[in-house]
Amino acid sequence: MKFCTAINCMDGRVQLPVITYLQDRFNAEHVDIVSEPGPNHLLANQPEPELVDSILNRVNISVDKHHSKGIAVIGHHDCAGNPATEEEQLLHTREAVVMLRERYPDMEIIGLWVDENWEVSEIPLDDR
């Protein structure tokens, strides 16, 4: 079985589009979901270190036990947990990806944006 990991918002509107996208993107059968309201903001700005630790502990299970093949951090339109503009959310997602790449240097880590039509796109990053 092949797994990947989604660090996604708890918002139910984004779950299925993200799962479908990641199954195709990472050729994965299963997507482990680590959900928190506004996780891109939490990882980028770390306002609550205990929540960051909780997220990372859950990601570690996916990576260590399920041998996840990739990690995605997701931001989305109309997020109650991170009610920032799209531009700010994209920045948060990029910063979260950078932080995760430092922690998991051998893992492919991407950022995703889910727009107002619940369509998923990969956020362009400067490297890998």
Foldseek 3Di string as FASTA:
>chain_A
DAEAEEAEEPDPLQPVQVQVVVCVVQVGPYYHYNYHQLVLQCQQVVPDVVVVVVSVVSVCCCCVVVVHQAYEYEDEPPGPSDPDDPVVSLVSRQSSQVSVCVVVVPHHYWYWYQYPVRHIDTRDDPDD
